[in-house]
Amino acid sequence: MKRGTIVLTKFPFTDLSSSKRRPAVIISIFIKIKISYFAFISSVIPKKLSKTDIVIIFLIKILKKQD
C-alpha cells in the first residue's frame, strides 16, 4: 500500500463502544515503526464542521447527446 490508496478499515465510534468498517485514504505510512495515518471518507457533510474536517466536492458534468 502507498499514500493515496483507498482502503477499508475499522473506525471506532466516538464513545469507543464499537467500530464500523469504513473507507479511508492512506495519508502516510511509516513502515519501520509500523504506523499508518488514514483519513475517513464520507458522503455525508455534517451541519457543523470541526477544525479538522476537510470537505472536497467533486462536480461531474454529464453531457446529454442531442438527437
N, C-alpha and C. Protein backbone atom coordinates (compact mmCIF):
# COMPACT_ATOMS: atom_id res chain seq x y z
N MET A 1 0.84 -1.18 0.00
CA MET A 1 0.00 0.00 0.00
C MET A 1 0.88 1.24 0.00
N LYS A 2 0.31 2.30 -0.58
CA LYS A 2 1.06 3.56 -0.61
C LYS A 2 0.11 4.72 -0.36
N ARG A 3 0.68 5.88 -0.15
CA ARG A 3 -0.11 7.09 0.11
C ARG A 3 -1.08 7.33 -1.04
N GLY A 4 -2.34 7.67 -0.70
CA GLY A 4 -3.37 7.91 -1.70
C GLY A 4 -4.25 6.71 -1.98
N THR A 5 -3.85 5.53 -1.48
CA THR A 5 -4.65 4.32 -1.68
C THR A 5 -5.90 4.37 -0.82
N ILE A 6 -7.03 3.98 -1.40
CA ILE A 6 -8.28 3.91 -0.64
C ILE A 6 -8.44 2.49 -0.12
N VAL A 7 -8.70 2.37 1.18
CA VAL A 7 -8.80 1.06 1.84
C VAL A 7 -10.06 1.03 2.71
N LEU A 8 -10.45 -0.17 3.13
CA LEU A 8 -11.50 -0.32 4.14
C LEU A 8 -10.81 -0.61 5.46
N THR A 9 -11.17 0.14 6.48
CA THR A 9 -10.56 -0.04 7.80
C THR A 9 -11.59 0.19 8.89
N LYS A 10 -11.31 -0.28 10.08
CA LYS A 10 -12.24 -0.11 11.20
C LYS A 10 -12.05 1.27 11.82
N PHE A 11 -13.16 2.00 11.94
CA PHE A 11 -13.17 3.29 12.63
C PHE A 11 -14.00 3.15 13.89
N PRO A 12 -13.47 3.55 15.03
CA PRO A 12 -14.23 3.44 16.28
C PRO A 12 -15.32 4.50 16.38
N PHE A 13 -16.41 4.15 17.07
CA PHE A 13 -17.44 5.14 17.38
C PHE A 13 -16.84 6.14 18.36
N THR A 14 -17.45 7.32 18.45
CA THR A 14 -16.95 8.38 19.32
C THR A 14 -16.78 7.91 20.76
N ASP A 15 -17.74 7.10 21.25
CA ASP A 15 -17.66 6.63 22.64
C ASP A 15 -16.81 5.37 22.80
N LEU A 16 -16.19 4.92 21.71
CA LEU A 16 -15.31 3.75 21.67
C LEU A 16 -16.02 2.44 22.06
N SER A 17 -17.36 2.42 22.00
CA SER A 17 -18.11 1.22 22.35
C SER A 17 -18.01 0.14 21.29
N SER A 18 -17.75 0.52 20.06
CA SER A 18 -17.66 -0.43 18.96
C SER A 18 -16.96 0.27 17.79
N SER A 19 -16.92 -0.40 16.65
CA SER A 19 -16.33 0.21 15.46
C SER A 19 -17.09 -0.25 14.23
N LYS A 20 -16.85 0.42 13.12
CA LYS A 20 -17.52 0.09 11.87
C LYS A 20 -16.48 0.15 10.75
N ARG A 21 -16.57 -0.78 9.82
CA ARG A 21 -15.65 -0.78 8.68
C ARG A 21 -16.08 0.31 7.71
N ARG A 22 -15.15 1.24 7.42
CA ARG A 22 -15.44 2.41 6.58
C ARG A 22 -14.30 2.64 5.59
N PRO A 23 -14.58 3.33 4.48
CA PRO A 23 -13.50 3.67 3.55
C PRO A 23 -12.62 4.78 4.11
N ALA A 24 -11.35 4.71 3.77
CA ALA A 24 -10.38 5.72 4.21
C ALA A 24 -9.28 5.83 3.15
N VAL A 25 -8.62 6.96 3.14
CA VAL A 25 -7.48 7.15 2.24
C VAL A 25 -6.22 7.16 3.10
N ILE A 26 -5.18 6.50 2.61
CA ILE A 26 -3.91 6.47 3.34
C ILE A 26 -3.22 7.80 3.15
N ILE A 27 -2.93 8.46 4.26
CA ILE A 27 -2.25 9.76 4.24
C ILE A 27 -0.74 9.58 4.30
N SER A 28 -0.30 8.66 5.18
CA SER A 28 1.13 8.47 5.39
C SER A 28 1.38 7.09 5.98
N ILE A 29 2.50 6.50 5.62
CA ILE A 29 2.89 5.19 6.16
C ILE A 29 4.34 5.27 6.60
N PHE A 30 4.60 4.82 7.82
CA PHE A 30 5.96 4.71 8.34
C PHE A 30 6.22 3.22 8.59
N ILE A 31 6.81 2.56 7.60
CA ILE A 31 6.99 1.11 7.64
C ILE A 31 7.90 0.68 8.79
N LYS A 32 8.98 1.39 9.02
CA LYS A 32 9.95 0.98 10.05
C LYS A 32 9.33 0.93 11.44
N ILE A 33 8.41 1.86 11.75
CA ILE A 33 7.81 1.87 13.09
C ILE A 33 6.35 1.38 13.07
N LYS A 34 5.90 0.86 11.90
CA LYS A 34 4.58 0.25 11.74
C LYS A 34 3.44 1.18 12.16
N ILE A 35 3.48 2.41 11.67
CA ILE A 35 2.41 3.38 11.93
C ILE A 35 1.88 3.89 10.59
N SER A 36 0.56 3.96 10.48
CA SER A 36 -0.08 4.50 9.29
C SER A 36 -1.11 5.53 9.71
N TYR A 37 -1.28 6.56 8.89
CA TYR A 37 -2.30 7.57 9.13
C TYR A 37 -3.34 7.49 8.02
N PHE A 38 -4.61 7.51 8.43
CA PHE A 38 -5.72 7.41 7.49
C PHE A 38 -6.64 8.61 7.64
N ALA A 39 -7.33 8.96 6.56
CA ALA A 39 -8.38 9.99 6.62
C ALA A 39 -9.70 9.31 6.28
N PHE A 40 -10.67 9.50 7.13
CA PHE A 40 -12.00 8.94 6.97
C PHE A 40 -12.67 9.56 5.74
N ILE A 41 -13.38 8.74 4.96
CA ILE A 41 -14.11 9.21 3.79
C ILE A 41 -15.59 9.05 4.05
N SER A 42 -16.36 10.10 3.78
CA SER A 42 -17.81 10.04 3.99
C SER A 42 -18.52 10.84 2.92
N SER A 43 -19.73 10.42 2.57
CA SER A 43 -20.54 11.18 1.62
C SER A 43 -21.49 12.12 2.35
N VAL A 44 -21.48 12.06 3.68
CA VAL A 44 -22.36 12.91 4.50
C VAL A 44 -21.58 14.12 5.00
N ILE A 45 -22.10 15.31 4.73
CA ILE A 45 -21.47 16.53 5.22
C ILE A 45 -22.23 16.99 6.45
N PRO A 46 -21.56 17.04 7.62
CA PRO A 46 -22.26 17.47 8.84
C PRO A 46 -22.65 18.94 8.79
N LYS A 47 -23.69 19.29 9.55
CA LYS A 47 -24.15 20.68 9.58
C LYS A 47 -23.08 21.60 10.12
N LYS A 48 -22.32 21.11 11.11
CA LYS A 48 -21.23 21.90 11.69
C LYS A 48 -19.93 21.13 11.54
N LEU A 49 -18.97 21.73 10.87
CA LEU A 49 -17.68 21.08 10.66
C LEU A 49 -16.75 21.37 11.83
N SER A 50 -15.90 20.39 12.15
CA SER A 50 -14.89 20.62 13.17
C SER A 50 -13.66 21.25 12.50
N LYS A 51 -12.71 21.68 13.30
CA LYS A 51 -11.50 22.31 12.77
C LYS A 51 -10.68 21.36 11.89
N THR A 52 -10.83 20.06 12.09
CA THR A 52 -10.04 19.10 11.34
C THR A 52 -10.76 18.53 10.12
N ASP A 53 -12.03 18.92 9.91
CA ASP A 53 -12.79 18.44 8.76
C ASP A 53 -12.37 19.17 7.49
N ILE A 54 -12.28 18.41 6.41
CA ILE A 54 -12.00 18.98 5.09
C ILE A 54 -13.07 18.46 4.14
N VAL A 55 -13.76 19.35 3.47
CA VAL A 55 -14.80 18.96 2.52
C VAL A 55 -14.25 19.10 1.11
N ILE A 56 -14.31 18.03 0.36
CA ILE A 56 -13.88 18.03 -1.04
C ILE A 56 -15.11 17.68 -1.87
N ILE A 57 -15.47 18.56 -2.78
CA ILE A 57 -16.65 18.33 -3.60
C ILE A 57 -16.21 18.09 -5.05
N PHE A 58 -16.64 16.96 -5.59
CA PHE A 58 -16.36 16.64 -6.98
C PHE A 58 -17.60 16.97 -7.80
N LEU A 59 -17.43 17.77 -8.80
CA LEU A 59 -18.53 18.09 -9.70
C LEU A 59 -18.36 17.29 -10.98
N ILE A 60 -19.41 16.59 -11.34
CA ILE A 60 -19.38 15.78 -12.55
C ILE A 60 -20.39 16.37 -13.53
N LYS A 61 -19.92 16.77 -14.66
CA LYS A 61 -20.80 17.33 -15.67
C LYS A 61 -21.17 16.23 -16.66
N ILE A 62 -22.44 15.99 -16.80
CA ILE A 62 -22.93 14.97 -17.72
C ILE A 62 -23.45 15.67 -18.97
N LEU A 63 -22.84 15.34 -20.06
CA LEU A 63 -23.25 15.94 -21.33
C LEU A 63 -24.30 15.06 -21.98
N LYS A 64 -25.45 15.64 -22.26
CA LYS A 64 -26.52 14.89 -22.91
C LYS A 64 -26.38 15.06 -24.41
N LYS A 65 -26.32 13.93 -25.09
CA LYS A 65 -26.20 13.97 -26.54
C LYS A 65 -27.54 14.42 -27.13
N GLN A 66 -27.47 15.41 -27.99
CA GLN A 66 -28.69 15.92 -28.61
C GLN A 66 -29.00 15.08 -29.84
N ASP A 67 -30.26 14.67 -29.93
CA ASP A 67 -30.68 13.83 -31.07
C ASP A 67 -30.98 14.67 -32.28
